[in-house]
PDB file of N, CA and C in Angstrom:
ATOM      1  N   MET A   1      -2.976   1.983 -23.493  1.00  0.00           N
ATOM      2  CA  MET A   1      -1.902   1.217 -22.810  1.00  0.00           C
ATOM      3  C   MET A   1      -1.503   2.004 -21.489  1.00  0.00           C
ATOM      4  N   HIS A   2      -1.467   3.292 -21.364  1.00  0.00           N
ATOM      5  CA  HIS A   2      -0.861   3.962 -20.160  1.00  0.00           C
ATOM      6  C   HIS A   2      -2.200   3.321 -18.640  1.00  0.00           C
ATOM      7  N   GLN A   3      -3.145   3.464 -18.287  1.00  0.00           N
ATOM      8  CA  GLN A   3      -4.138   2.818 -17.631  1.00  0.00           C
ATOM      9  C   GLN A   3      -3.940   1.572 -17.354  1.00  0.00           C
ATOM     10  N   GLY A   4      -3.351   0.709 -18.568  1.00  0.00           N
ATOM     11  CA  GLY A   4      -3.391  -0.661 -17.857  1.00  0.00           C
ATOM     12  C   GLY A   4      -1.853  -0.654 -17.115  1.00  0.00           C
ATOM     13  N   LEU A   5      -1.229   0.124 -17.354  1.00  0.00           N
ATOM     14  CA  LEU A   5       0.362  -0.319 -16.902  1.00  0.00           C
ATOM     15  C   LEU A   5       0.380   0.484 -15.588  1.00  0.00           C
ATOM     16  N   SER A   6      -0.253   1.562 -15.581  1.00  0.00           N
ATOM     17  CA  SER A   6      -0.717   2.211 -14.166  1.00  0.00           C
ATOM     18  C   SER A   6      -1.167   0.792 -13.405  1.00  0.00           C
ATOM     19  N   LYS A   7      -2.008  -0.019 -13.635  1.00  0.00           N
ATOM     20  CA  LYS A   7      -2.959  -0.725 -12.587  1.00  0.00           C
ATOM     21  C   LYS A   7      -2.326  -1.825 -11.938  1.00  0.00           C
ATOM     22  N   TYR A   8      -1.206  -2.244 -12.774  1.00  0.00           N
ATOM     23  CA  TYR A   8      -0.177  -3.181 -12.486  1.00  0.00           C
ATOM     24  C   TYR A   8       1.040  -2.768 -11.497  1.00  0.00           C
ATOM     25  N   SER A   9       1.243  -1.204 -12.050  1.00  0.00           N
ATOM     26  CA  SER A   9       2.134  -0.681 -11.079  1.00  0.00           C
ATOM     27  C   SER A   9       1.406  -0.312  -9.558  1.00  0.00           C
ATOM     28  N   ILE A  10      -0.281  -0.046  -9.477  1.00  0.00           N
ATOM     29  CA  ILE A  10      -0.210   0.190  -8.519  1.00  0.00           C
ATOM     30  C   ILE A  10      -0.273  -0.744  -7.195  1.00  0.00           C
ATOM     31  N   ILE A  11      -0.702  -2.586  -8.205  1.00  0.00           N
ATOM     32  CA  ILE A  11      -0.500  -3.062  -7.526  1.00  0.00           C
ATOM     33  C   ILE A  11       0.573  -3.468  -7.095  1.00  0.00           C
ATOM     34  N   LEU A  12       2.005  -3.543  -7.694  1.00  0.00           N
ATOM     35  CA  LEU A  12       3.319  -3.910  -7.126  1.00  0.00           C
ATOM     36  C   LEU A  12       3.614  -2.805  -6.088  1.00  0.00           C
ATOM     37  N   ASN A  13       3.343  -1.785  -6.571  1.00  0.00           N
ATOM     38  CA  ASN A  13       3.545  -1.027  -5.034  1.00  0.00           C
ATOM     39  C   ASN A  13       2.511  -1.226  -4.199  1.00  0.00           C
ATOM     40  N   PHE A  14       1.132  -1.734  -3.972  1.00  0.00           N
ATOM     41  CA  PHE A  14       0.746  -2.359  -3.168  1.00  0.00           C
ATOM     42  C   PHE A  14       1.431  -3.539  -2.056  1.00  0.00           C
ATOM     43  N   GLY A  15       2.177  -4.280  -3.172  1.00  0.00           N
ATOM     44  CA  GLY A  15       2.808  -6.020  -2.742  1.00  0.00           C
ATOM     45  C   GLY A  15       4.159  -5.191  -2.139  1.00  0.00           C
ATOM     46  N   VAL A  16       4.632  -4.504  -2.660  1.00  0.00           N
ATOM     47  CA  VAL A  16       6.202  -3.524  -2.435  1.00  0.00           C
ATOM     48  C   VAL A  16       5.861  -2.895  -0.767  1.00  0.00           C
ATOM     49  N   THR A  17       4.715  -2.281  -0.434  1.00  0.00           N
ATOM     50  CA  THR A  17       4.785  -1.640   0.807  1.00  0.00           C
ATOM     51  C   THR A  17       4.294  -3.024   1.391  1.00  0.00           C
ATOM     52  N   VAL A  18       3.312  -3.469   1.502  1.00  0.00           N
ATOM     53  CA  VAL A  18       2.997  -4.453   2.621  1.00  0.00           C
ATOM     54  C   VAL A  18       4.025  -5.486   2.896  1.00  0.00           C
ATOM     55  N   LEU A  19       4.953  -6.143   1.979  1.00  0.00           N
ATOM     56  CA  LEU A  19       6.614  -6.811   2.166  1.00  0.00           C
ATOM     57  C   LEU A  19       7.240  -5.930   2.820  1.00  0.00           C
ATOM     58  N   SER A  20       7.623  -4.367   2.377  1.00  0.00           N
ATOM     59  CA  SER A  20       8.792  -3.944   2.899  1.00  0.00           C
ATOM     60  C   SER A  20       8.248  -3.855   4.413  1.00  0.00           C
ATOM     61  N   ASN A  21       7.156  -2.994   4.690  1.00  0.00           N
ATOM     62  CA  ASN A  21       6.702  -2.951   5.911  1.00  0.00           C
ATOM     63  C   ASN A  21       6.905  -4.362   7.307  1.00  0.00           C
ATOM     64  N   ILE A  22       6.529  -5.622   6.342  1.00  0.00           N
ATOM     65  CA  ILE A  22       6.540  -6.614   7.060  1.00  0.00           C
ATOM     66  C   ILE A  22       7.888  -7.200   7.269  1.00  0.00           C
ATOM     67  N   ALA A  23       8.878  -6.566   6.415  1.00  0.00           N
ATOM     68  CA  ALA A  23      10.461  -7.262   6.390  1.00  0.00           C
ATOM     69  C   ALA A  23      11.224  -5.965   7.432  1.00  0.00           C
ATOM     70  N   VAL A  24      10.633  -4.898   7.461  1.00  0.00           N
ATOM     71  CA  VAL A  24      11.083  -4.110   8.730  1.00  0.00           C
ATOM     72  C   VAL A  24      10.562  -4.399   9.911  1.00  0.00           C
ATOM     73  N   GLY A  25       9.248  -4.903  10.258  1.00  0.00           N
ATOM     74  CA  GLY A  25       9.135  -5.537  11.376  1.00  0.00           C
ATOM     75  C   GLY A  25       9.824  -6.401  11.347  1.00  0.00           C
ATOM     76  N   ALA A  26      10.049  -7.690  10.828  1.00  0.00           N
ATOM     77  CA  ALA A  26      10.867  -8.714  11.121  1.00  0.00           C
ATOM     78  C   ALA A  26      12.128  -8.321  11.689  1.00  0.00           C
ATOM     79  N   PHE A  27      12.581  -7.767  10.719  1.00  0.00           N
ATOM     80  CA  PHE A  27      14.036  -7.207  11.582  1.00  0.00           C
ATOM     81  C   PHE A  27      14.107  -6.386  12.487  1.00  0.00           C
ATOM     82  N   ILE A  28      13.488  -5.666  12.963  1.00  0.00           N
ATOM     83  CA  ILE A  28      13.505  -5.269  14.391  1.00  0.00           C
ATOM     84  C   ILE A  28      13.293  -5.807  15.358  1.00  0.00           C
ATOM     85  N   GLY A  29      12.424  -7.049  15.097  1.00  0.00           N
ATOM     86  CA  GLY A  29      11.920  -7.886  16.058  1.00  0.00           C
ATOM     87  C   GLY A  29      12.359  -8.924  16.153  1.00  0.00           C
ATOM     88  N   TYR A  30      13.316  -9.457  14.925  1.00  0.00           N
ATOM     89  CA  TYR A  30      14.540 -10.016  15.506  1.00  0.00           C
ATOM     90  C   TYR A  30      15.992  -9.790  16.343  1.00  0.00           C
ATOM     91  N   TYR A  31      16.408  -8.238  16.132  1.00  0.00           N
ATOM     92  CA  TYR A  31      17.424  -8.090  16.646  1.00  0.00           C
ATOM     93  C   TYR A  31      16.924  -7.696  18.286  1.00  0.00           C
ATOM     94  N   ILE A  32      15.678  -7.313  18.168  1.00  0.00           N
ATOM     95  CA  ILE A  32      15.194  -6.765  19.655  1.00  0.00           C
ATOM     96  C   ILE A  32      15.390  -8.272  20.388  1.00  0.00           C
ATOM     97  N   ASP A  33      14.992  -8.693  20.147  1.00  0.00           N
ATOM     98  CA  ASP A  33      14.897 -10.342  20.538  1.00  0.00           C
ATOM     99  C   ASP A  33      15.776 -11.291  21.262  1.00  0.00           C
ATOM    100  N   LYS A  34      16.729 -10.640  19.843  1.00  0.00           N
ATOM    101  CA  LYS A  34      18.123 -11.445  19.797  1.00  0.00           C
ATOM    102  C   LYS A  34      18.941 -10.663  21.205  1.00  0.00           C
ATOM    103  N   TRP A  35      18.458  -9.850  21.679  1.00  0.00           N
ATOM    104  CA  TRP A  35      19.414  -8.921  22.938  1.00  0.00           C
ATOM    105  C   TRP A  35      18.518  -9.177  23.962  1.00  0.00           C
ATOM    106  N   THR A  36      17.355  -9.228  24.147  1.00  0.00           N
ATOM    107  CA  THR A  36      16.525  -9.575  25.202  1.00  0.00           C
ATOM    108  C   THR A  36      16.051 -10.795  25.226  1.00  0.00           C
ATOM    109  N   LEU A  37      14.856 -11.209  24.991  1.00  0.00           N
ATOM    110  CA  LEU A  37      14.478 -12.633  25.532  1.00  0.00           C
ATOM    111  C   LEU A  37      14.926 -14.002  25.233  1.00  0.00           C
ATOM    112  N   LYS A  38      15.346 -13.768  23.773  1.00  0.00           N
ATOM    113  CA  LYS A  38      15.621 -14.854  22.752  1.00  0.00           C
ATOM    114  C   LYS A  38      14.688 -16.039  22.668  1.00  0.00           C
ATOM    115  N   ASN A  39      13.705 -15.859  23.074  1.00  0.00           N
ATOM    116  CA  ASN A  39      12.481 -17.064  23.040  1.00  0.00           C
ATOM    117  C   ASN A  39      11.754 -17.080  21.628  1.00  0.00           C
ATOM    118  N   GLY A  40      11.582 -16.133  20.576  1.00  0.00           N
ATOM    119  CA  GLY A  40      11.086 -15.763  19.496  1.00  0.00           C
ATOM    120  C   GLY A  40       9.265 -14.925  19.879  1.00  0.00           C
ATOM    121  N   VAL A  41       9.056 -14.329  21.202  1.00  0.00           N
ATOM    122  CA  VAL A  41       8.306 -13.474  21.643  1.00  0.00           C
ATOM    123  C   VAL A  41       7.727 -12.517  20.521  1.00  0.00           C
ATOM    124  N   ILE A  42       9.043 -11.168  20.575  1.00  0.00           N
ATOM    125  CA  ILE A  42       9.347 -10.731  20.214  1.00  0.00           C
ATOM    126  C   ILE A  42       9.184 -10.142  18.807  1.00  0.00           C
ATOM    127  N   PHE A  43      10.176 -11.324  18.340  1.00  0.00           N
ATOM    128  CA  PHE A  43      10.228 -11.189  16.725  1.00  0.00           C
ATOM    129  C   PHE A  43       8.524 -11.468  16.065  1.00  0.00           C
ATOM    130  N   VAL A  44       8.094 -12.251  17.004  1.00  0.00           N
ATOM    131  CA  VAL A  44       6.225 -12.860  16.315  1.00  0.00           C
ATOM    132  C   VAL A  44       5.545 -11.562  16.249  1.00  0.00           C
ATOM    133  N   VAL A  45       5.644 -10.947  17.825  1.00  0.00           N
ATOM    134  CA  VAL A  45       5.230  -9.532  17.523  1.00  0.00           C
ATOM    135  C   VAL A  45       5.606  -8.259  16.557  1.00  0.00           C
ATOM    136  N   PHE A  46       6.556  -8.686  16.359  1.00  0.00           N
ATOM    137  CA  PHE A  46       7.249  -7.518  15.544  1.00  0.00           C
ATOM    138  C   PHE A  46       6.761  -7.483  14.276  1.00  0.00           C
ATOM    139  N   ILE A  47       6.567  -9.111  13.635  1.00  0.00           N
ATOM    140  CA  ILE A  47       6.158  -9.544  12.454  1.00  0.00           C
ATOM    141  C   ILE A  47       4.631  -9.362  12.403  1.00  0.00           C
ATOM    142  N   LEU A  48       4.141  -9.250  13.627  1.00  0.00           N
ATOM    143  CA  LEU A  48       2.556  -9.049  12.931  1.00  0.00           C
ATOM    144  C   LEU A  48       2.276  -7.838  13.456  1.00  0.00           C
ATOM    145  N   LEU A  49       2.954  -6.677  13.888  1.00  0.00           N
ATOM    146  CA  LEU A  49       3.279  -4.975  13.755  1.00  0.00           C
ATOM    147  C   LEU A  49       3.557  -4.967  12.165  1.00  0.00           C
ATOM    148  N   GLY A  50       3.936  -5.749  11.789  1.00  0.00           N
ATOM    149  CA  GLY A  50       4.832  -5.068  10.357  1.00  0.00           C
ATOM    150  C   GLY A  50       3.720  -5.389   9.391  1.00  0.00           C
ATOM    151  N   ILE A  51       3.083  -6.408   9.736  1.00  0.00           N
ATOM    152  CA  ILE A  51       1.642  -7.123   9.038  1.00  0.00           C
ATOM    153  C   ILE A  51       0.275  -5.984   9.045  1.00  0.00           C
ATOM    154  N   ALA A  52       0.384  -5.656  10.336  1.00  0.00           N
ATOM    155  CA  ALA A  52      -0.717  -4.762  10.303  1.00  0.00           C
ATOM    156  C   ALA A  52      -0.450  -3.627   9.869  1.00  0.00           C
ATOM    157  N   SER A  53       1.119  -3.091   9.798  1.00  0.00           N
ATOM    158  CA  SER A  53       1.288  -1.721   9.327  1.00  0.00           C
ATOM    159  C   SER A  53       1.513  -1.584   8.492  1.00  0.00           C
ATOM    160  N   GLY A  54       1.999  -2.640   7.396  1.00  0.00           N
ATOM    161  CA  GLY A  54       1.643  -2.950   5.869  1.00  0.00           C
ATOM    162  C   GLY A  54       0.326  -2.918   5.174  1.00  0.00           C
ATOM    163  N   LEU A  55      -0.264  -3.896   5.784  1.00  0.00           N
ATOM    164  CA  LEU A  55      -1.830  -3.278   5.297  1.00  0.00           C
ATOM    165  C   LEU A  55      -1.907  -2.356   5.342  1.00  0.00           C
ATOM    166  N   TYR A  56      -1.985  -1.490   6.175  1.00  0.00           N
ATOM    167  CA  TYR A  56      -2.942   0.032   6.706  1.00  0.00           C
ATOM    168  C   TYR A  56      -2.180   1.041   5.970  1.00  0.00           C
ATOM    169  N   ASN A  57      -1.093   1.094   5.363  1.00  0.00           N
ATOM    170  CA  ASN A  57      -0.461   1.481   4.470  1.00  0.00           C
ATOM    171  C   ASN A  57      -0.287   1.104   3.237  1.00  0.00           C
ATOM    172  N   GLY A  58      -0.714  -0.089   2.922  1.00  0.00           N
ATOM    173  CA  GLY A  58      -0.987   0.016   1.427  1.00  0.00           C
ATOM    174  C   GLY A  58      -2.358  -0.161   1.088  1.00  0.00           C
ATOM    175  N   PHE A  59      -3.485  -0.272   2.028  1.00  0.00           N
ATOM    176  CA  PHE A  59      -4.954   0.132   1.546  1.00  0.00           C
ATOM    177  C   PHE A  59      -5.154   1.751   2.064  1.00  0.00           C
ATOM    178  N   LYS A  60      -4.163   2.543   2.520  1.00  0.00           N
ATOM    179  CA  LYS A  60      -4.289   3.726   2.466  1.00  0.00           C
ATOM    180  C   LYS A  60      -3.860   4.006   0.985  1.00  0.00           C
ATOM    181  N   TYR A  61      -2.933   3.645   0.283  1.00  0.00           N
ATOM    182  CA  TYR A  61      -2.062   4.064  -0.538  1.00  0.00           C
ATOM    183  C   TYR A  61      -3.135   3.343  -1.925  1.00  0.00           C
ATOM    184  N   LEU A  62      -3.668   2.604  -1.617  1.00  0.00           N
ATOM    185  CA  LEU A  62      -5.086   1.966  -2.444  1.00  0.00           C
ATOM    186  C   LEU A  62      -6.004   3.147  -2.371  1.00  0.00           C
ATOM    187  N   LEU A  63      -6.515   3.427  -1.529  1.00  0.00           N
ATOM    188  CA  LEU A  63      -7.652   4.629  -1.551  1.00  0.00           C
ATOM    189  C   LEU A  63      -7.289   5.989  -2.033  1.00  0.00           C
ATOM    190  N   ARG A  64      -5.902   6.404  -2.106  1.00  0.00           N
ATOM    191  CA  ARG A  64      -5.878   7.377  -2.657  1.00  0.00           C
ATOM    192  C   ARG A  64      -5.708   7.238  -4.280  1.00  0.00           C
ATOM    193  N   GLU A  65      -4.807   6.230  -4.688  1.00  0.00           N
ATOM    194  CA  GLU A  65      -5.027   6.317  -6.189  1.00  0.00           C
ATOM    195  C   GLU A  65      -6.594   5.562  -6.638  1.00  0.00           C
ATOM    196  N   ALA A  66      -7.439   5.668  -5.857  1.00  0.00           N
ATOM    197  CA  ALA A  66      -8.523   5.143  -6.500  1.00  0.00           C
ATOM    198  C   ALA A  66      -9.231   6.336  -6.119  1.00  0.00           C
ATOM    199  N   ASP A  67      -9.117   7.510  -5.343  1.00  0.00           N
ATOM    200  CA  ASP A  67      -9.472   8.769  -5.609  1.00  0.00           C
ATOM    201  C   ASP A  67      -8.899   9.305  -6.748  1.00  0.00           C
ATOM    202  N   LYS A  68      -8.138   9.419  -7.004  1.00  0.00           N
ATOM    203  CA  LYS A  68      -7.311   9.667  -7.912  1.00  0.00           C
ATOM    204  C   LYS A  68      -8.130   9.369  -9.333  1.00  0.00           C
ATOM    205  N   TYR A  69      -8.462   8.712  -9.470  1.00  0.00           N
ATOM    206  CA  TYR A  69      -8.985   7.633 -10.695  1.00  0.00           C
ATOM    207  C   TYR A  69     -10.646   8.300 -10.885  1.00  0.00           C
ATOM    208  N   ASP A  70     -11.158   8.019  -9.602  1.00  0.00           N
ATOM    209  CA  ASP A  70     -12.388   8.863  -9.294  1.00  0.00           C
ATOM    210  C   ASP A  70     -12.693  10.412 -10.139  1.00  0.00           C
ATOM    211  N   LYS A  71     -11.660  11.033  -9.422  1.00  0.00           N
ATOM    212  CA  LYS A  71     -11.144  12.702  -9.802  1.00  0.00           C
ATOM    213  C   LYS A  71     -11.098  12.739 -11.620  1.00  0.00           C
ATOM    214  N   HIS A  72     -10.582  11.475 -11.856  1.00  0.00           N
ATOM    215  CA  HIS A  72      -9.719  11.382 -13.086  1.00  0.00           C
ATOM    216  C   HIS A  72     -10.950  11.045 -14.252  1.00  0.00           C
ATOM    217  N   ASP A  73     -12.173  10.209 -13.540  1.00  0.00           N
ATOM    218  CA  ASP A  73     -12.964   9.667 -14.594  1.00  0.00           C
ATOM    219  C   ASP A  73     -13.945  11.106 -14.370  1.00  0.00           C
ATOM    220  N   LYS A  74     -14.240  11.715 -13.099  1.00  0.00           N
ATOM    221  CA  LYS A  74     -15.163  12.958 -13.176  1.00  0.00           C
ATOM    222  C   LYS A  74     -14.842  14.181 -14.086  1.00  0.00           C
ATOM    223  N   LYS A  75     -13.496  14.394 -14.392  1.00  0.00           N
ATOM    224  CA  LYS A  75     -13.563  15.567 -15.390  1.00  0.00           C
ATOM    225  C   LYS A  75     -13.768  14.913 -16.623  1.00  0.00           C
ATOM    226  N   ASP A  76     -13.204  13.563 -17.065  1.00  0.00           N
ATOM    227  CA  ASP A  76     -13.590  13.296 -18.443  1.00  0.00           C
ATOM    228  C   ASP A  76     -15.048  12.990 -18.523  1.00  0.00           C
ATOM    229  N   VAL A  77     -15.791  13.281 -17.587  1.00  0.00           N
ATOM    230  CA  VAL A  77     -17.408  12.985 -17.928  1.00  0.00           C
ATOM    231  C   VAL A  77     -17.969  14.243 -17.922  1.00  0.00           C
ATOM    232  N   GLU A  78     -17.312  15.488 -16.842  1.00  0.00           N
ATOM    233  CA  GLU A  78     -17.244  16.961 -17.466  1.00  0.00           C
ATOM    234  C   GLU A  78     -16.945  17.251 -18.731  1.00  0.00           C
ATOM    235  N   LYS A  79     -16.090  16.951 -19.131  1.00  0.00           N
ATOM    236  CA  LYS A  79     -15.538  17.574 -20.573  1.00  0.00           C
ATOM    237  C   LYS A  79     -15.859  17.245 -21.519  1.00  0.00           C
ATOM    238  N   HIS A  80     -16.937  15.759 -20.936  1.00  0.00           N
ATOM    239  CA  HIS A  80     -17.634  14.986 -22.269  1.00  0.00           C
ATOM    240  C   HIS A  80     -19.107  15.711 -22.646  1.00  0.00           C
ATOM    241  N   ASN A  81     -19.440  15.935 -21.287  1.00  0.00           N
ATOM    242  CA  ASN A  81     -21.085  17.309 -21.107  1.00  0.00           C
ATOM    243  C   ASN A  81     -20.461  18.208 -21.453  1.00  0.00           C
ATOM    244  N   ASP A  82     -19.772  19.135 -21.529  1.00  0.00           N
ATOM    245  CA  ASP A  82     -19.529  20.396 -22.262  1.00  0.00           C
ATOM    246  C   ASP A  82     -19.388  20.630 -23.669  1.00  0.00           C
ATOM    247  N   THR A  83     -18.516  19.443 -24.152  1.00  0.00           N
ATOM    248  CA  THR A  83     -18.307  19.559 -25.510  1.00  0.00           C
ATOM    249  C   THR A  83     -20.112  18.949 -25.998  1.00  0.00           C
ATOM    250  N   GLY A  84     -21.075  18.412 -25.669  1.00  0.00           N
ATOM    251  CA  GLY A  84     -22.024  17.625 -26.067  1.00  0.00           C
ATOM    252  C   GLY A  84     -22.902  18.402 -26.191  1.00  0.00           C
ATOM    253  N   HIS A  85     -22.991  19.604 -25.217  1.00  0.00           N
ATOM    254  CA  HIS A  85     -23.971  20.460 -25.096  1.00  0.00           C
ATOM    255  C   HIS A  85     -23.417  21.562 -25.943  1.00  0.00           C
ATOM    256  N   SER A  86     -22.340  21.471 -26.863  1.00  0.00           N
ATOM    257  CA  SER A  86     -22.012  23.465 -27.735  1.00  0.00           C
ATOM    258  C   SER A  86     -22.386  22.690 -28.850  1.00  0.00           C
TER     259      SER A  86
END
């Protein structure tokens, strides 16, 4: 059961990472645009930067988690092989 909940947690963390980066980009872009050009260009640019940053950080997180699973699976295989030879 722990394994199944962990998978949902990974998906949730990925989504929160992406959405929070987009929200921060939108927030910064909105206020910079409000104080400068007031035409929405900076707002759109910062939303795009937030999307890029969110996807980058989200996939980096997914790769770290996949690496953890690979190491864990490798240990299980080694443990199984050690007990099988005794």
